[in-house]
Amino acid sequence: MTEKTAELQKIEAHFKGHIQAIEKASQALAADIERCAFQLIEALRKGKKLLVMGNGGSAADAQHMAAEFVGRFLKNRKAMPAIALSTDTSILTAVGNDFGYDEVFKRQVEALAAPGDVVIGISTSGCSNNVFHALTTANEIGCLTVGLLGRDGGNISGIVDINLTVPVQETPFVQEAHLSIIHILCDLAESGIFPEKN
């Protein structure tokens, strides 16, 4: 029997960690993901919008989620209103320069959010200051706030209406579970709002 290389062992370990993270997320969060989907559907049916934000890989996830809502996930249907707050480099650099990086999402929430909108903050640590401040402002405006978080949820977990914390420590596995949750929310929202497209 051929001995496995270190690289092959690492590949298998990553897949194992990924599967474990997905299983933990499924067991811990299925009911809260369903509740989030129902409230997101209700908001969109009322003409409200989705604002989503994060840093680094979580910024990419925020953009991915907005693209699925505005474009499509699985169905050809009417666009759903969603904005990723990590995409406008002029706003990000102006606010970062003039007010500090902790304000880059908060200022956009102040400008764009209305009562009843859904604001999702993505943070693998649960401790991103700019996401925390933006969600605090969203609460003050009267938005539904959702935390897509990792590890123990950090300080963000205590301020959101719906806490979706993936209970694992490793950032890559948290991010991979976040993407699965994003796809589930896209699927449920699309099916719920456009049942005739099933």
Protein backbone atom coordinates (compact mmCIF):
# COMPACT_ATOMS: atom_id res chain seq x y z
CA MET A 1 0.00 0.00 0.00
CA THR A 2 1.40 3.37 -1.04
CA GLU A 3 1.97 5.81 1.81
CA LYS A 4 -0.03 9.03 1.52
CA THR A 5 1.93 12.18 0.84
CA ALA A 6 1.77 15.08 3.29
CA GLU A 7 -0.15 17.04 0.67
CA LEU A 8 -2.74 14.31 0.22
CA GLN A 9 -3.16 14.07 3.99
CA LYS A 10 -3.69 17.84 4.13
CA ILE A 11 -6.29 17.69 1.38
CA GLU A 12 -8.20 14.94 3.15
CA ALA A 13 -7.98 16.80 6.47
CA HIS A 14 -9.44 19.91 4.88
CA PHE A 15 -12.37 18.02 3.40
CA LYS A 16 -12.95 16.38 6.79
CA GLY A 17 -12.90 19.74 8.55
CA HIS A 18 -15.28 21.18 5.97
CA ILE A 19 -17.76 18.33 6.43
CA GLN A 20 -17.62 18.66 10.21
CA ALA A 21 -18.23 22.42 10.01
CA ILE A 22 -21.23 21.95 7.72
CA GLU A 23 -22.66 19.28 10.03
CA LYS A 24 -22.22 21.53 13.08
CA ALA A 25 -23.87 24.44 11.27
CA SER A 26 -26.77 22.24 10.16
CA GLN A 27 -27.38 20.94 13.68
CA ALA A 28 -27.03 24.32 15.38
CA LEU A 29 -28.62 26.69 12.89
CA ALA A 30 -31.29 25.03 10.73
CA ALA A 31 -34.24 26.51 12.65
CA ASP A 32 -32.68 29.99 12.77
CA ILE A 33 -31.85 29.87 9.06
CA GLU A 34 -35.49 29.01 8.36
CA ARG A 35 -36.65 31.92 10.55
CA CYS A 36 -34.22 34.25 8.78
CA ALA A 37 -35.50 33.13 5.38
CA PHE A 38 -39.13 33.67 6.38
CA GLN A 39 -38.42 37.20 7.65
CA LEU A 40 -36.31 38.02 4.61
CA ILE A 41 -39.13 36.86 2.32
CA GLU A 42 -41.66 38.94 4.26
CA ALA A 43 -39.47 42.04 3.99
CA LEU A 44 -38.87 41.63 0.26
CA ARG A 45 -42.59 41.09 -0.39
CA LYS A 46 -43.19 44.44 1.33
CA GLY A 47 -40.78 46.19 -1.00
CA LYS A 48 -37.90 46.32 1.46
CA LYS A 49 -34.27 45.64 0.53
CA LEU A 50 -31.28 43.67 1.70
CA LEU A 51 -28.02 45.33 2.74
CA VAL A 52 -25.07 43.01 3.36
CA MET A 53 -21.49 43.68 4.46
CA GLY A 54 -18.23 42.12 5.55
CA ASN A 55 -14.45 42.46 5.33
CA GLY A 56 -12.00 40.50 3.17
CA GLY A 57 -13.41 37.07 2.33
CA SER A 58 -16.66 38.12 4.03
CA ALA A 59 -16.82 41.13 1.69
CA ALA A 60 -16.61 38.67 -1.21
CA ASP A 61 -19.42 36.65 0.38
CA ALA A 62 -21.51 39.82 0.75
CA GLN A 63 -21.01 40.63 -2.93
CA HIS A 64 -21.81 37.04 -3.88
CA MET A 65 -25.07 37.17 -1.92
CA ALA A 66 -26.15 40.49 -3.44
CA ALA A 67 -25.36 39.17 -6.91
CA GLU A 68 -27.54 36.09 -6.37
CA PHE A 69 -30.49 38.27 -5.32
CA VAL A 70 -30.16 40.89 -8.04
CA GLY A 71 -29.25 38.37 -10.73
CA ARG A 72 -30.54 34.91 -10.05
CA PHE A 73 -29.79 31.86 -7.96
CA LEU A 74 -31.55 29.00 -9.77
CA LYS A 75 -34.59 30.65 -11.34
CA ASN A 76 -35.18 33.24 -14.05
CA ARG A 77 -37.32 35.73 -12.15
CA LYS A 78 -37.63 39.41 -11.29
CA ALA A 79 -34.58 40.93 -9.60
CA MET A 80 -34.67 41.25 -5.82
CA PRO A 81 -33.17 44.40 -4.23
CA ALA A 82 -29.84 43.73 -2.53
CA ILE A 83 -26.76 45.91 -2.04
CA ALA A 84 -23.30 44.83 -0.90
CA LEU A 85 -21.74 47.67 1.11
CA SER A 86 -18.17 46.63 0.26
CA THR A 87 -18.26 47.53 -3.45
CA ASP A 88 -18.07 51.32 -3.75
CA THR A 89 -14.39 52.17 -3.45
CA SER A 90 -15.02 55.92 -3.49
CA ILE A 91 -17.35 55.69 -0.50
CA LEU A 92 -15.10 53.24 1.34
CA THR A 93 -11.98 55.35 0.88
CA ALA A 94 -13.71 58.68 1.55
CA VAL A 95 -15.37 57.48 4.75
CA GLY A 96 -12.27 55.57 5.83
CA ASN A 97 -10.12 58.66 5.29
CA ASP A 98 -12.49 61.21 6.83
CA PHE A 99 -14.15 59.23 9.61
CA GLY A 100 -12.05 56.08 10.11
CA TYR A 101 -12.44 52.51 8.93
CA ASP A 102 -14.88 51.66 11.72
CA GLU A 103 -17.42 53.95 10.01
CA VAL A 104 -17.27 52.62 6.42
CA PHE A 105 -20.42 50.50 6.72
CA LYS A 106 -22.21 52.57 9.34
CA ARG A 107 -22.33 55.66 7.10
CA GLN A 108 -23.77 53.60 4.26
CA VAL A 109 -26.43 52.12 6.53
CA GLU A 110 -27.33 55.65 7.66
CA ALA A 111 -27.65 56.71 4.02
CA LEU A 112 -29.37 53.68 2.51
CA ALA A 113 -31.30 51.74 5.17
CA ALA A 114 -34.97 52.26 5.93
CA PRO A 115 -37.16 50.71 8.63
CA GLY A 116 -38.03 47.13 7.73
CA ASP A 117 -34.97 46.55 5.56
CA VAL A 118 -32.80 43.50 6.30
CA VAL A 119 -29.16 44.20 7.18
CA ILE A 120 -26.77 41.23 7.29
CA GLY A 121 -23.30 41.54 8.78
CA ILE A 122 -20.77 38.81 7.97
CA SER A 123 -17.83 38.35 10.33
CA THR A 124 -15.93 35.11 10.90
CA SER A 125 -14.75 36.33 14.31
CA GLY A 126 -17.96 38.08 15.30
CA CYS A 127 -15.83 41.04 16.38
CA SER A 128 -15.44 43.25 13.29
CA ASN A 129 -15.86 46.80 14.61
CA ASN A 130 -17.16 48.29 11.39
CA VAL A 131 -19.79 45.57 11.08
CA PHE A 132 -20.75 45.98 14.75
CA HIS A 133 -21.26 49.75 14.38
CA ALA A 134 -23.27 49.34 11.18
CA LEU A 135 -25.58 46.76 12.75
CA THR A 136 -26.05 48.95 15.82
CA THR A 137 -27.14 51.78 13.54
CA ALA A 138 -29.42 49.41 11.61
CA ASN A 139 -31.12 48.46 14.88
CA GLU A 140 -31.68 52.13 15.67
CA ILE A 141 -33.26 52.68 12.25
CA GLY A 142 -35.63 49.73 12.74
CA CYS A 143 -34.13 47.18 10.38
CA LEU A 144 -34.07 43.44 10.88
CA THR A 145 -30.45 42.64 11.71
CA VAL A 146 -28.72 39.31 11.05
CA GLY A 147 -25.24 38.20 12.06
CA LEU A 148 -23.53 35.58 9.90
CA LEU A 149 -20.74 34.82 12.34
CA GLY A 150 -18.19 32.26 13.51
CA ARG A 151 -16.43 30.90 16.61
CA ASP A 152 -18.46 32.07 19.65
CA GLY A 153 -20.23 34.87 17.76
CA GLY A 154 -18.21 37.64 19.41
CA ASN A 155 -19.81 40.91 20.43
CA ILE A 156 -21.93 41.05 17.27
CA SER A 157 -23.96 38.01 18.35
CA GLY A 158 -25.50 39.99 21.20
CA ILE A 159 -26.86 42.86 19.12
CA VAL A 160 -28.56 41.12 16.17
CA ASP A 161 -32.15 39.95 15.83
CA ILE A 162 -31.06 36.67 14.25
CA ASN A 163 -27.73 35.14 15.23
CA LEU A 164 -26.32 32.64 12.72
CA THR A 165 -23.03 31.67 14.35
CA VAL A 166 -21.13 28.74 12.83
CA PRO A 167 -19.63 27.13 15.96
CA VAL A 168 -16.15 26.29 14.67
CA GLN A 169 -12.81 28.05 15.19
CA GLU A 170 -11.08 27.82 11.81
CA THR A 171 -11.76 30.81 9.56
CA PRO A 172 -11.75 28.85 6.25
CA PHE A 173 -14.36 26.40 7.55
CA VAL A 174 -16.51 29.24 8.92
CA GLN A 175 -16.37 30.93 5.51
CA GLU A 176 -17.29 27.72 3.70
CA ALA A 177 -20.28 27.23 6.00
CA HIS A 178 -21.28 30.88 5.50
CA LEU A 179 -21.41 30.33 1.75
CA SER A 180 -23.67 27.31 2.23
CA ILE A 181 -26.00 29.38 4.45
CA ILE A 182 -26.03 32.18 1.87
CA HIS A 183 -27.02 29.70 -0.84
CA ILE A 184 -29.77 28.26 1.35
CA LEU A 185 -31.19 31.73 2.03
CA CYS A 186 -31.07 32.55 -1.68
CA ASP A 187 -32.84 29.31 -2.53
CA LEU A 188 -35.57 29.75 0.09
CA ALA A 189 -36.14 33.42 -0.80
CA GLU A 190 -36.37 32.67 -4.51
CA SER A 191 -38.76 29.76 -3.98
CA GLY A 192 -40.85 31.68 -1.44
CA ILE A 193 -41.29 34.85 -3.49
CA PHE A 194 -41.55 33.23 -6.91
CA PRO A 195 -43.33 29.88 -6.33
CA GLU A 196 -44.66 29.93 -9.88
CA LYS A 197 -41.08 29.52 -11.09
CA ASN A 198 -40.70 26.17 -9.28
